PDB file of N, CA and C in Angstrom:
ATOM      1  N   MET A   1      24.448  63.019   1.936  1.00  0.00           N
ATOM      2  CA  MET A   1      23.408  62.488   2.293  1.00  0.00           C
ATOM      3  C   MET A   1      22.402  62.128   1.305  1.00  0.00           C
ATOM      4  N   TYR A   2      22.237  60.875   1.651  1.00  0.00           N
ATOM      5  CA  TYR A   2      21.332  59.774   0.570  1.00  0.00           C
ATOM      6  C   TYR A   2      19.439  60.476   1.280  1.00  0.00           C
ATOM      7  N   ASN A   3      18.704  60.638   0.821  1.00  0.00           N
ATOM      8  CA  ASN A   3      17.633  61.230   1.230  1.00  0.00           C
ATOM      9  C   ASN A   3      16.466  61.225   0.071  1.00  0.00           C
ATOM     10  N   LYS A   4      15.402  60.409   0.839  1.00  0.00           N
ATOM     11  CA  LYS A   4      14.200  60.291  -0.304  1.00  0.00           C
ATOM     12  C   LYS A   4      13.045  60.354   0.135  1.00  0.00           C
ATOM     13  N   LYS A   5      11.834  60.914  -0.620  1.00  0.00           N
ATOM     14  CA  LYS A   5      10.422  61.053   0.107  1.00  0.00           C
ATOM     15  C   LYS A   5       9.539  60.147  -0.629  1.00  0.00           C
ATOM     16  N   TYR A   6       8.779  59.138  -0.020  1.00  0.00           N
ATOM     17  CA  TYR A   6       8.175  58.225  -0.459  1.00  0.00           C
ATOM     18  C   TYR A   6       6.489  58.480  -0.084  1.00  0.00           C
ATOM     19  N   HIS A   7       5.459  58.821  -0.875  1.00  0.00           N
ATOM     20  CA  HIS A   7       4.220  59.328  -1.310  1.00  0.00           C
ATOM     21  C   HIS A   7       3.621  57.940  -1.144  1.00  0.00           C
ATOM     22  N   LYS A   8       2.565  57.467  -0.583  1.00  0.00           N
ATOM     23  CA  LYS A   8       1.661  56.905  -0.770  1.00  0.00           C
ATOM     24  C   LYS A   8       0.954  56.716  -1.981  1.00  0.00           C
ATOM     25  N   LYS A   9       0.406  57.765  -3.003  1.00  0.00           N
ATOM     26  CA  LYS A   9      -0.126  58.001  -3.696  1.00  0.00           C
ATOM     27  C   LYS A   9       0.923  57.704  -4.999  1.00  0.00           C
ATOM     28  N   LEU A  10       2.097  57.820  -4.583  1.00  0.00           N
ATOM     29  CA  LEU A  10       3.162  57.597  -5.712  1.00  0.00           C
ATOM     30  C   LEU A  10       4.025  56.141  -5.548  1.00  0.00           C
ATOM     31  N   GLY A  11       3.513  55.680  -4.478  1.00  0.00           N
ATOM     32  CA  GLY A  11       4.311  54.428  -4.324  1.00  0.00           C
ATOM     33  C   GLY A  11       5.441  54.121  -3.327  1.00  0.00           C
ATOM     34  N   PHE A  12       5.267  52.875  -2.423  1.00  0.00           N
ATOM     35  CA  PHE A  12       6.516  53.007  -1.675  1.00  0.00           C
ATOM     36  C   PHE A  12       7.660  51.812  -2.472  1.00  0.00           C
ATOM     37  N   GLU A  13       9.020  51.711  -1.834  1.00  0.00           N
ATOM     38  CA  GLU A  13       9.478  50.907  -1.876  1.00  0.00           C
ATOM     39  C   GLU A  13      10.129  50.842  -0.454  1.00  0.00           C
ATOM     40  N   HIS A  14      11.440  49.914  -0.224  1.00  0.00           N
ATOM     41  CA  HIS A  14      11.589  49.775   0.782  1.00  0.00           C
ATOM     42  C   HIS A  14      10.636  48.841   2.165  1.00  0.00           C
ATOM     43  N   GLU A  15       9.718  47.911   1.514  1.00  0.00           N
ATOM     44  CA  GLU A  15       8.388  47.491   2.287  1.00  0.00           C
ATOM     45  C   GLU A  15       8.776  46.587   3.351  1.00  0.00           C
ATOM     46  N   LYS A  16       9.802  46.332   3.919  1.00  0.00           N
ATOM     47  CA  LYS A  16      10.597  45.073   4.417  1.00  0.00           C
ATOM     48  C   LYS A  16      11.421  45.976   5.629  1.00  0.00           C
ATOM     49  N   LEU A  17      12.155  46.946   5.384  1.00  0.00           N
ATOM     50  CA  LEU A  17      12.594  48.064   6.030  1.00  0.00           C
ATOM     51  C   LEU A  17      11.222  48.608   6.622  1.00  0.00           C
ATOM     52  N   LEU A  18      10.239  49.151   5.933  1.00  0.00           N
ATOM     53  CA  LEU A  18       8.540  50.123   6.911  1.00  0.00           C
ATOM     54  C   LEU A  18       8.579  48.947   7.649  1.00  0.00           C
ATOM     55  N   GLN A  19       8.281  47.975   7.596  1.00  0.00           N
ATOM     56  CA  GLN A  19       7.561  46.345   8.051  1.00  0.00           C
ATOM     57  C   GLN A  19       8.145  46.789   9.522  1.00  0.00           C
ATOM     58  N   LEU A  20       9.990  46.830   9.345  1.00  0.00           N
ATOM     59  CA  LEU A  20      10.769  46.306  10.568  1.00  0.00           C
ATOM     60  C   LEU A  20      10.785  47.812  11.359  1.00  0.00           C
ATOM     61  N   PHE A  21      10.587  48.523  10.768  1.00  0.00           N
ATOM     62  CA  PHE A  21      10.457  50.551  11.622  1.00  0.00           C
ATOM     63  C   PHE A  21       9.077  50.021  12.678  1.00  0.00           C
ATOM     64  N   ILE A  22       7.813  49.408  11.782  1.00  0.00           N
ATOM     65  CA  ILE A  22       6.925  49.481  12.007  1.00  0.00           C
ATOM     66  C   ILE A  22       7.020  48.273  13.806  1.00  0.00           C
ATOM     67  N   LEU A  23       7.433  47.508  13.362  1.00  0.00           N
ATOM     68  CA  LEU A  23       7.612  46.392  14.694  1.00  0.00           C
ATOM     69  C   LEU A  23       8.159  47.055  15.575  1.00  0.00           C
ATOM     70  N   THR A  24       9.573  47.513  15.284  1.00  0.00           N
ATOM     71  CA  THR A  24      10.485  48.385  16.191  1.00  0.00           C
ATOM     72  C   THR A  24       9.882  49.730  16.894  1.00  0.00           C
ATOM     73  N   VAL A  25       9.097  50.622  16.354  1.00  0.00           N
ATOM     74  CA  VAL A  25       8.530  51.488  16.800  1.00  0.00           C
ATOM     75  C   VAL A  25       7.396  51.312  17.589  1.00  0.00           C
ATOM     76  N   ASN A  26       6.160  49.750  17.430  1.00  0.00           N
ATOM     77  CA  ASN A  26       5.225  49.904  18.464  1.00  0.00           C
ATOM     78  C   ASN A  26       5.843  49.098  19.674  1.00  0.00           C
ATOM     79  N   ARG A  27       7.223  48.826  19.706  1.00  0.00           N
ATOM     80  CA  ARG A  27       7.563  47.903  20.585  1.00  0.00           C
ATOM     81  C   ARG A  27       7.685  48.742  22.336  1.00  0.00           C
ATOM     82  N   GLY A  28       7.722  50.158  21.091  1.00  0.00           N
ATOM     83  CA  GLY A  28       8.175  51.508  22.317  1.00  0.00           C
ATOM     84  C   GLY A  28       7.128  52.193  22.997  1.00  0.00           C
ATOM     85  N   PHE A  29       7.744  53.476  23.424  1.00  0.00           N
ATOM     86  CA  PHE A  29       6.793  54.145  24.036  1.00  0.00           C
ATOM     87  C   PHE A  29       6.959  55.435  23.748  1.00  0.00           C
ATOM     88  N   TRP A  30       5.393  56.398  22.994  1.00  0.00           N
ATOM     89  CA  TRP A  30       5.728  57.593  22.150  1.00  0.00           C
ATOM     90  C   TRP A  30       6.305  58.523  23.235  1.00  0.00           C
ATOM     91  N   ARG A  31       6.774  59.413  22.088  1.00  0.00           N
ATOM     92  CA  ARG A  31       7.563  60.268  23.182  1.00  0.00           C
ATOM     93  C   ARG A  31       7.248  61.918  22.476  1.00  0.00           C
ATOM     94  N   LEU A  32       6.890  62.594  23.094  1.00  0.00           N
ATOM     95  CA  LEU A  32       6.377  64.255  22.115  1.00  0.00           C
ATOM     96  C   LEU A  32       7.342  64.636  22.313  1.00  0.00           C
ATOM     97  N   SER A  33       7.304  65.444  20.974  1.00  0.00           N
ATOM     98  CA  SER A  33       8.623  66.777  20.919  1.00  0.00           C
ATOM     99  C   SER A  33       7.506  67.936  21.510  1.00  0.00           C
ATOM    100  N   SER A  34       8.642  68.965  21.763  1.00  0.00           N
ATOM    101  CA  SER A  34       8.136  69.705  22.359  1.00  0.00           C
ATOM    102  C   SER A  34       7.229  71.076  21.104  1.00  0.00           C
ATOM    103  N   HIS A  35       8.039  70.334  19.896  1.00  0.00           N
ATOM    104  CA  HIS A  35       6.681  71.175  18.663  1.00  0.00           C
ATOM    105  C   HIS A  35       5.378  70.378  18.456  1.00  0.00           C
ATOM    106  N   ALA A  36       5.287  69.173  19.172  1.00  0.00           N
ATOM    107  CA  ALA A  36       4.163  68.307  18.670  1.00  0.00           C
ATOM    108  C   ALA A  36       3.067  68.506  20.653  1.00  0.00           C
ATOM    109  N   LYS A  37       3.755  68.833  20.971  1.00  0.00           N
ATOM    110  CA  LYS A  37       3.312  69.309  22.354  1.00  0.00           C
ATOM    111  C   LYS A  37       2.565  70.964  22.348  1.00  0.00           C
ATOM    112  N   LYS A  38       3.280  71.722  21.578  1.00  0.00           N
ATOM    113  CA  LYS A  38       3.002  72.836  21.307  1.00  0.00           C
ATOM    114  C   LYS A  38       1.429  72.726  19.967  1.00  0.00           C
ATOM    115  N   ARG A  39       1.347  72.115  19.075  1.00  0.00           N
ATOM    116  CA  ARG A  39       0.693  72.033  18.312  1.00  0.00           C
ATOM    117  C   ARG A  39      -0.635  70.877  18.815  1.00  0.00           C
ATOM    118  N   ILE A  40      -0.282  70.165  20.213  1.00  0.00           N
ATOM    119  CA  ILE A  40      -1.811  69.481  20.030  1.00  0.00           C
ATOM    120  C   ILE A  40      -2.441  70.518  21.327  1.00  0.00           C
ATOM    121  N   LEU A  41      -1.456  71.661  21.667  1.00  0.00           N
ATOM    122  CA  LEU A  41      -2.384  72.532  22.705  1.00  0.00           C
ATOM    123  C   LEU A  41      -2.763  73.895  22.046  1.00  0.00           C
ATOM    124  N   GLU A  42      -2.316  74.212  20.732  1.00  0.00           N
ATOM    125  CA  GLU A  42      -2.814  75.176  20.184  1.00  0.00           C
ATOM    126  C   GLU A  42      -3.482  75.457  19.488  1.00  0.00           C
ATOM    127  N   ARG A  43      -3.063  74.315  18.646  1.00  0.00           N
ATOM    128  CA  ARG A  43      -4.371  74.369  17.110  1.00  0.00           C
ATOM    129  C   ARG A  43      -5.160  73.133  17.245  1.00  0.00           C
ATOM    130  N   ILE A  44      -5.252  72.094  18.277  1.00  0.00           N
ATOM    131  CA  ILE A  44      -6.097  71.131  18.343  1.00  0.00           C
ATOM    132  C   ILE A  44      -6.880  71.099  19.472  1.00  0.00           C
ATOM    133  N   GLY A  45      -6.489  71.397  20.811  1.00  0.00           N
ATOM    134  CA  GLY A  45      -6.786  71.438  21.556  1.00  0.00           C
ATOM    135  C   GLY A  45      -7.561  70.562  22.994  1.00  0.00           C
ATOM    136  N   GLU A  46      -7.914  69.498  21.974  1.00  0.00           N
ATOM    137  CA  GLU A  46      -8.393  68.462  22.625  1.00  0.00           C
ATOM    138  C   GLU A  46      -7.257  67.107  23.073  1.00  0.00           C
ATOM    139  N   VAL A  47      -6.628  68.089  24.267  1.00  0.00           N
ATOM    140  CA  VAL A  47      -5.207  67.720  25.039  1.00  0.00           C
ATOM    141  C   VAL A  47      -5.668  65.968  25.645  1.00  0.00           C
ATOM    142  N   GLU A  48      -6.670  65.822  26.303  1.00  0.00           N
ATOM    143  CA  GLU A  48      -6.927  64.380  26.727  1.00  0.00           C
ATOM    144  C   GLU A  48      -7.229  63.756  25.528  1.00  0.00           C
ATOM    145  N   LYS A  49      -7.966  64.165  24.649  1.00  0.00           N
ATOM    146  CA  LYS A  49      -8.420  63.083  23.657  1.00  0.00           C
ATOM    147  C   LYS A  49      -7.562  62.445  22.841  1.00  0.00           C
ATOM    148  N   ILE A  50      -6.411  63.698  22.230  1.00  0.00           N
ATOM    149  CA  ILE A  50      -5.358  63.391  21.296  1.00  0.00           C
ATOM    150  C   ILE A  50      -4.369  62.344  22.544  1.00  0.00           C
ATOM    151  N   GLY A  51      -4.061  62.341  23.780  1.00  0.00           N
ATOM    152  CA  GLY A  51      -3.103  62.209  24.307  1.00  0.00           C
ATOM    153  C   GLY A  51      -3.603  60.254  24.587  1.00  0.00           C
ATOM    154  N   LEU A  52      -4.606  60.290  24.756  1.00  0.00           N
ATOM    155  CA  LEU A  52      -5.346  58.623  24.773  1.00  0.00           C
ATOM    156  C   LEU A  52      -5.036  58.191  23.203  1.00  0.00           C
ATOM    157  N   LEU A  53      -5.520  58.863  22.541  1.00  0.00           N
ATOM    158  CA  LEU A  53      -5.557  58.453  21.060  1.00  0.00           C
ATOM    159  C   LEU A  53      -4.239  57.817  20.318  1.00  0.00           C
ATOM    160  N   ILE A  54      -3.085  58.661  20.693  1.00  0.00           N
ATOM    161  CA  ILE A  54      -1.707  58.559  20.830  1.00  0.00           C
ATOM    162  C   ILE A  54      -1.185  57.119  21.404  1.00  0.00           C
ATOM    163  N   ARG A  55      -1.457  57.011  22.896  1.00  0.00           N
ATOM    164  CA  ARG A  55      -0.869  56.926  23.634  1.00  0.00           C
ATOM    165  C   ARG A  55      -1.192  55.088  23.523  1.00  0.00           C
ATOM    166  N   GLU A  56      -2.387  54.647  22.639  1.00  0.00           N
ATOM    167  CA  GLU A  56      -3.199  53.139  22.310  1.00  0.00           C
ATOM    168  C   GLU A  56      -3.040  53.160  20.815  1.00  0.00           C
ATOM    169  N   TYR A  57      -2.747  54.184  20.332  1.00  0.00           N
ATOM    170  CA  TYR A  57      -2.138  53.705  18.708  1.00  0.00           C
ATOM    171  C   TYR A  57      -1.329  52.929  18.682  1.00  0.00           C
ATOM    172  N   LYS A  58      -1.216  51.439  17.862  1.00  0.00           N
ATOM    173  CA  LYS A  58      -0.013  50.933  17.046  1.00  0.00           C
ATOM    174  C   LYS A  58      -0.193  51.522  15.262  1.00  0.00           C
ATOM    175  N   ILE A  59       1.037  51.346  15.251  1.00  0.00           N
ATOM    176  CA  ILE A  59       1.233  51.801  13.663  1.00  0.00           C
ATOM    177  C   ILE A  59       0.813  50.593  12.848  1.00  0.00           C
ATOM    178  N   LYS A  60       0.440  50.832  11.617  1.00  0.00           N
ATOM    179  CA  LYS A  60      -0.107  50.208  10.629  1.00  0.00           C
ATOM    180  C   LYS A  60       0.311  50.514   9.226  1.00  0.00           C
ATOM    181  N   TYR A  61       0.797  49.542   8.474  1.00  0.00           N
ATOM    182  CA  TYR A  61       1.174  49.704   7.291  1.00  0.00           C
ATOM    183  C   TYR A  61       0.008  50.463   6.543  1.00  0.00           C
ATOM    184  N   ASP A  62      -0.982  50.244   6.645  1.00  0.00           N
ATOM    185  CA  ASP A  62      -1.819  50.817   5.769  1.00  0.00           C
ATOM    186  C   ASP A  62      -1.662  52.660   5.994  1.00  0.00           C
ATOM    187  N   ASP A  63      -1.633  52.666   7.177  1.00  0.00           N
ATOM    188  CA  ASP A  63      -1.990  54.182   8.200  1.00  0.00           C
ATOM    189  C   ASP A  63      -0.749  54.926   7.112  1.00  0.00           C
ATOM    190  N   ILE A  64       0.442  54.835   6.910  1.00  0.00           N
ATOM    191  CA  ILE A  64       1.431  55.369   6.199  1.00  0.00           C
ATOM    192  C   ILE A  64       1.497  56.128   4.802  1.00  0.00           C
ATOM    193  N   ILE A  65       1.245  57.258   4.863  1.00  0.00           N
ATOM    194  CA  ILE A  65       1.078  58.023   4.068  1.00  0.00           C
ATOM    195  C   ILE A  65       2.356  58.478   3.614  1.00  0.00           C
ATOM    196  N   GLU A  66       3.306  59.106   3.501  1.00  0.00           N
ATOM    197  CA  GLU A  66       4.188  59.268   3.666  1.00  0.00           C
ATOM    198  C   GLU A  66       5.455  58.737   4.132  1.00  0.00           C
ATOM    199  N   TYR A  67       7.158  58.236   3.986  1.00  0.00           N
ATOM    200  CA  TYR A  67       8.262  57.967   4.614  1.00  0.00           C
ATOM    201  C   TYR A  67       8.922  58.936   4.337  1.00  0.00           C
ATOM    202  N   THR A  68      10.121  58.588   4.839  1.00  0.00           N
ATOM    203  CA  THR A  68      11.421  59.471   4.395  1.00  0.00           C
ATOM    204  C   THR A  68      12.458  58.888   4.727  1.00  0.00           C
ATOM    205  N   PHE A  69      13.384  58.206   3.649  1.00  0.00           N
ATOM    206  CA  PHE A  69      14.228  57.422   3.647  1.00  0.00           C
ATOM    207  C   PHE A  69      16.022  58.026   3.675  1.00  0.00           C
ATOM    208  N   ILE A  70      16.655  57.833   4.553  1.00  0.00           N
ATOM    209  CA  ILE A  70      17.975  58.436   4.493  1.00  0.00           C
ATOM    210  C   ILE A  70      18.583  57.678   4.753  1.00  0.00           C
ATOM    211  N   ASN A  71      20.331  57.698   3.921  1.00  0.00           N
ATOM    212  CA  ASN A  71      21.333  56.995   4.328  1.00  0.00           C
ATOM    213  C   ASN A  71      21.287  55.283   4.925  1.00  0.00           C
ATOM    214  N   GLY A  72      20.055  54.808   4.035  1.00  0.00           N
ATOM    215  CA  GLY A  72      19.988  52.952   4.015  1.00  0.00           C
ATOM    216  C   GLY A  72      18.881  52.776   5.411  1.00  0.00           C
ATOM    217  N   HIS A  73      18.387  53.901   5.862  1.00  0.00           N
ATOM    218  CA  HIS A  73      17.064  53.549   7.127  1.00  0.00           C
ATOM    219  C   HIS A  73      15.864  54.531   6.758  1.00  0.00           C
ATOM    220  N   ILE A  74      14.870  54.063   7.478  1.00  0.00           N
ATOM    221  CA  ILE A  74      13.873  54.901   7.434  1.00  0.00           C
ATOM    222  C   ILE A  74      13.732  55.665   8.263  1.00  0.00           C
ATOM    223  N   GLU A  75      13.981  57.182   8.474  1.00  0.00           N
ATOM    224  CA  GLU A  75      14.514  58.348   9.357  1.00  0.00           C
ATOM    225  C   GLU A  75      12.988  58.540  10.370  1.00  0.00           C
ATOM    226  N   LYS A  76      11.239  58.500   9.246  1.00  0.00           N
ATOM    227  CA  LYS A  76      10.532  58.806   9.773  1.00  0.00           C
ATOM    228  C   LYS A  76       9.362  58.831   9.204  1.00  0.00           C
ATOM    229  N   ILE A  77       7.985  58.517   9.283  1.00  0.00           N
ATOM    230  CA  ILE A  77       6.602  58.053   8.684  1.00  0.00           C
ATOM    231  C   ILE A  77       5.508  59.143   9.226  1.00  0.00           C
ATOM    232  N   LEU A  78       4.867  59.020   8.196  1.00  0.00           N
ATOM    233  CA  LEU A  78       3.840  59.940   8.388  1.00  0.00           C
ATOM    234  C   LEU A  78       2.626  59.269   8.077  1.00  0.00           C
ATOM    235  N   VAL A  79       1.610  59.115   9.424  1.00  0.00           N
ATOM    236  CA  VAL A  79       0.535  58.340   9.534  1.00  0.00           C
ATOM    237  C   VAL A  79      -1.247  59.140   9.737  1.00  0.00           C
ATOM    238  N   ARG A  80      -1.458  58.704   8.866  1.00  0.00           N
ATOM    239  CA  ARG A  80      -3.166  59.393   8.730  1.00  0.00           C
ATOM    240  C   ARG A  80      -3.942  58.365   9.454  1.00  0.00           C
ATOM    241  N   ILE A  81      -4.426  58.852  10.783  1.00  0.00           N
ATOM    242  CA  ILE A  81      -5.195  57.655  11.290  1.00  0.00           C
ATOM    243  C   ILE A  81      -6.936  58.819  11.842  1.00  0.00           C
ATOM    244  N   ASN A  82      -8.103  57.879  11.747  1.00  0.00           N
ATOM    245  CA  ASN A  82      -9.460  58.329  12.127  1.00  0.00           C
ATOM    246  C   ASN A  82      -9.256  59.588  13.060  1.00  0.00           C
ATOM    247  N   TYR A  83      -9.436  60.275  13.195  1.00  0.00           N
ATOM    248  CA  TYR A  83     -10.047  61.372  14.474  1.00  0.00           C
ATOM    249  C   TYR A  83     -11.819  61.518  14.957  1.00  0.00           C
ATOM    250  N   ASN A  84     -11.862  61.945  14.218  1.00  0.00           N
ATOM    251  CA  ASN A  84     -13.828  61.969  14.131  1.00  0.00           C
ATOM    252  C   ASN A  84     -14.142  62.427  12.790  1.00  0.00           C
ATOM    253  N   GLN A  85     -15.634  62.543  12.748  1.00  0.00           N
ATOM    254  CA  GLN A  85     -16.772  62.313  11.753  1.00  0.00           C
ATOM    255  C   GLN A  85     -15.548  63.161  10.891  1.00  0.00           C
ATOM    256  N   ASN A  86     -15.327  64.275  10.787  1.00  0.00           N
ATOM    257  CA  ASN A  86     -14.270  65.354   9.796  1.00  0.00           C
ATOM    258  C   ASN A  86     -13.292  65.172   9.589  1.00  0.00           C
ATOM    259  N   TYR A  87     -12.525  64.867  10.559  1.00  0.00           N
ATOM    260  CA  TYR A  87     -11.109  65.132  10.180  1.00  0.00           C
ATOM    261  C   TYR A  87     -10.555  63.764  10.693  1.00  0.00           C
ATOM    262  N   ASP A  88      -9.158  64.017  10.122  1.00  0.00           N
ATOM    263  CA  ASP A  88      -8.278  62.810  10.642  1.00  0.00           C
ATOM    264  C   ASP A  88      -6.941  63.303  10.674  1.00  0.00           C
ATOM    265  N   LEU A  89      -5.868  62.712  12.306  1.00  0.00           N
ATOM    266  CA  LEU A  89      -5.241  62.916  12.815  1.00  0.00           C
ATOM    267  C   LEU A  89      -3.941  62.459  11.824  1.00  0.00           C
ATOM    268  N   ILE A  90      -2.961  63.817  11.679  1.00  0.00           N
ATOM    269  CA  ILE A  90      -1.863  62.739  10.594  1.00  0.00           C
ATOM    270  C   ILE A  90      -0.651  63.043  12.098  1.00  0.00           C
ATOM    271  N   ILE A  91       0.013  62.191  12.093  1.00  0.00           N
ATOM    272  CA  ILE A  91       1.631  62.599  13.290  1.00  0.00           C
ATOM    273  C   ILE A  91       2.705  61.886  12.432  1.00  0.00           C
ATOM    274  N   ALA A  92       3.539  62.775  12.842  1.00  0.00           N
ATOM    275  CA  ALA A  92       5.036  62.394  12.086  1.00  0.00           C
ATOM    276  C   ALA A  92       5.225  61.525  13.264  1.00  0.00           C
ATOM    277  N   ILE A  93       6.328  60.397  12.787  1.00  0.00           N
ATOM    278  CA  ILE A  93       6.778  59.467  13.882  1.00  0.00           C
ATOM    279  C   ILE A  93       8.198  59.247  13.278  1.00  0.00           C
ATOM    280  N   SER A  94       9.381  59.303  14.402  1.00  0.00           N
ATOM    281  CA  SER A  94      10.422  59.507  14.363  1.00  0.00           C
ATOM    282  C   SER A  94      10.811  57.836  14.350  1.00  0.00           C
ATOM    283  N   TYR A  95      12.213  57.264  13.774  1.00  0.00           N
ATOM    284  CA  TYR A  95      12.513  55.759  14.139  1.00  0.00           C
ATOM    285  C   TYR A  95      12.610  55.469  16.175  1.00  0.00           C
ATOM    286  N   ASP A  96      12.955  56.701  16.686  1.00  0.00           N
ATOM    287  CA  ASP A  96      12.904  56.350  17.737  1.00  0.00           C
ATOM    288  C   ASP A  96      12.076  56.792  18.519  1.00  0.00           C
ATOM    289  N   ASN A  97      10.866  56.476  18.086  1.00  0.00           N
ATOM    290  CA  ASN A  97       9.317  56.638  18.995  1.00  0.00           C
ATOM    291  C   ASN A  97       9.271  58.107  19.393  1.00  0.00           C
ATOM    292  N   MET A  98       9.734  59.183  19.086  1.00  0.00           N
ATOM    293  CA  MET A  98       9.352  60.595  19.120  1.00  0.00           C
ATOM    294  C   MET A  98       8.562  60.921  17.963  1.00  0.00           C
ATOM    295  N   ILE A  99       7.463  61.779  18.551  1.00  0.00           N
ATOM    296  CA  ILE A  99       6.527  62.164  17.953  1.00  0.00           C
ATOM    297  C   ILE A  99       6.593  63.797  17.313  1.00  0.00           C
ATOM    298  N   ILE A 100       7.471  63.859  16.274  1.00  0.00           N
ATOM    299  CA  ILE A 100       7.967  65.172  15.647  1.00  0.00           C
ATOM    300  C   ILE A 100       6.511  66.709  15.867  1.00  0.00           C
ATOM    301  N   THR A 101       5.364  65.855  14.772  1.00  0.00           N
ATOM    302  CA  THR A 101       4.740  66.691  15.209  1.00  0.00           C
ATOM    303  C   THR A 101       3.013  65.939  14.999  1.00  0.00           C
ATOM    304  N   CYS A 102       1.929  66.683  14.958  1.00  0.00           N
ATOM    305  CA  CYS A 102       0.941  66.489  14.603  1.00  0.00           C
ATOM    306  C   CYS A 102      -0.152  67.364  14.345  1.00  0.00           C
ATOM    307  N   TYR A 103      -1.392  67.132  13.635  1.00  0.00           N
ATOM    308  CA  TYR A 103      -2.602  68.063  12.938  1.00  0.00           C
ATOM    309  C   TYR A 103      -3.181  67.188  12.526  1.00  0.00           C
ATOM    310  N   LEU A 104      -4.333  68.194  12.512  1.00  0.00           N
ATOM    311  CA  LEU A 104      -5.619  67.344  12.041  1.00  0.00           C
ATOM    312  C   LEU A 104      -5.716  68.105  10.624  1.00  0.00           C
ATOM    313  N   ASN A 105      -6.662  66.627   9.575  1.00  0.00           N
ATOM    314  CA  ASN A 105      -6.516  67.055   8.164  1.00  0.00           C
ATOM    315  C   ASN A 105      -7.985  66.835   7.946  1.00  0.00           C
ATOM    316  N   LYS A 106      -8.604  67.339   7.388  1.00  0.00           N
ATOM    317  CA  LYS A 106     -10.242  67.839   6.733  1.00  0.00           C
ATOM    318  C   LYS A 106     -10.198  65.765   5.899  1.00  0.00           C
ATOM    319  N   LYS A 107     -10.844  65.499   6.224  1.00  0.00           N
ATOM    320  CA  LYS A 107     -11.078  64.095   5.633  1.00  0.00           C
ATOM    321  C   LYS A 107     -11.087  64.077   4.141  1.00  0.00           C
ATOM    322  N   ALA A 108     -11.865  65.263   3.827  1.00  0.00           N
ATOM    323  CA  ALA A 108     -12.154  65.452   2.246  1.00  0.00           C
ATOM    324  C   ALA A 108     -10.424  65.691   1.719  1.00  0.00           C
ATOM    325  N   ASN A 109      -9.625  66.157   2.093  1.00  0.00           N
ATOM    326  CA  ASN A 109      -8.443  66.777   1.620  1.00  0.00           C
ATOM    327  C   ASN A 109      -7.375  65.399   1.546  1.00  0.00           C
ATOM    328  N   ASN A 110      -7.603  64.908   0.232  1.00  0.00           N
ATOM    329  CA  ASN A 110      -6.743  63.815  -0.074  1.00  0.00           C
ATOM    330  C   ASN A 110      -5.579  63.787  -1.165  1.00  0.00           C
ATOM    331  N   HIS A 111      -4.978  65.328  -1.102  1.00  0.00           N
ATOM    332  CA  HIS A 111      -3.841  65.357  -1.586  1.00  0.00           C
ATOM    333  C   HIS A 111      -3.770  65.274  -2.863  1.00  0.00           C
ATOM    334  N   TYR A 112      -4.692  65.514  -3.608  1.00  0.00           N
ATOM    335  CA  TYR A 112      -4.853  65.374  -5.367  1.00  0.00           C
ATOM    336  C   TYR A 112      -3.917  66.259  -5.561  1.00  0.00           C
ATOM    337  N   THR A 113      -3.479  67.403  -5.713  1.00  0.00           N
ATOM    338  CA  THR A 113      -2.471  68.286  -5.708  1.00  0.00           C
ATOM    339  C   THR A 113      -0.751  67.964  -5.112  1.00  0.00           C
ATOM    340  N   ILE A 114      -0.634  66.750  -5.367  1.00  0.00           N
ATOM    341  CA  ILE A 114       0.070  66.627  -4.511  1.00  0.00           C
ATOM    342  C   ILE A 114       1.353  67.005  -5.620  1.00  0.00           C
ATOM    343  N   ASN A 115       2.522  67.459  -4.963  1.00  0.00           N
ATOM    344  CA  ASN A 115       3.496  67.891  -5.820  1.00  0.00           C
ATOM    345  C   ASN A 115       4.588  66.899  -5.885  1.00  0.00           C
ATOM    346  N   LYS A 116       4.769  66.082  -7.171  1.00  0.00           N
ATOM    347  CA  LYS A 116       5.517  65.121  -7.557  1.00  0.00           C
ATOM    348  C   LYS A 116       6.855  65.158  -7.234  1.00  0.00           C
ATOM    349  N   ARG A 117       6.831  66.350  -7.523  1.00  0.00           N
ATOM    350  CA  ARG A 117       8.545  66.882  -7.751  1.00  0.00           C
ATOM    351  C   ARG A 117       9.355  66.779  -6.351  1.00  0.00           C
ATOM    352  N   GLN A 118       8.589  66.754  -4.974  1.00  0.00           N
ATOM    353  CA  GLN A 118       9.324  66.696  -3.833  1.00  0.00           C
ATOM    354  C   GLN A 118       8.902  65.123  -3.342  1.00  0.00           C
ATOM    355  N   TYR A 119       8.590  64.037  -4.321  1.00  0.00           N
ATOM    356  CA  TYR A 119       9.143  62.980  -4.168  1.00  0.00           C
ATOM    357  C   TYR A 119       9.194  61.830  -5.261  1.00  0.00           C
ATOM    358  N   GLN A 120       9.764  60.227  -4.527  1.00  0.00           N
ATOM    359  CA  GLN A 120      10.376  59.391  -5.052  1.00  0.00           C
ATOM    360  C   GLN A 120       8.962  59.264  -5.855  1.00  0.00           C
ATOM    361  N   THR A 121       9.007  58.423  -7.930  1.00  0.00           N
ATOM    362  CA  THR A 121       7.820  57.549  -7.620  1.00  0.00           C
ATOM    363  C   THR A 121       8.639  56.223  -8.186  1.00  0.00           C
ATOM    364  N   VAL A 122       7.504  55.642  -7.359  1.00  0.00           N
ATOM    365  CA  VAL A 122       7.673  54.296  -7.773  1.00  0.00           C
ATOM    366  C   VAL A 122       7.009  53.818  -8.910  1.00  0.00           C
TER     367      VAL A 122
END
């Protein structure tokens, strides 16, 4: 299996594939995995607010902070979007419109301690 992870701070490749991923996924409807539903209920709690935010969300290239490239295609992406004054919402989205998970991250957490060994460097 050909599996590579890329992080925004270390550089992206596959820009055309990322744009195609965005166009394709933005055309469909979001589906929540059972894990994502559980995370929203247990950790975030604001189910209606999260639901509305996700339902209306369209992926933008600049929101992507990480993606996984497997066997010649983009398998999933991680986006970071504004949630409120103190937090951003992080959403993992697969190529088939499945929201794999989501969680809140403090705005001040910019991952300066990123483990570069986990990612490709461009």
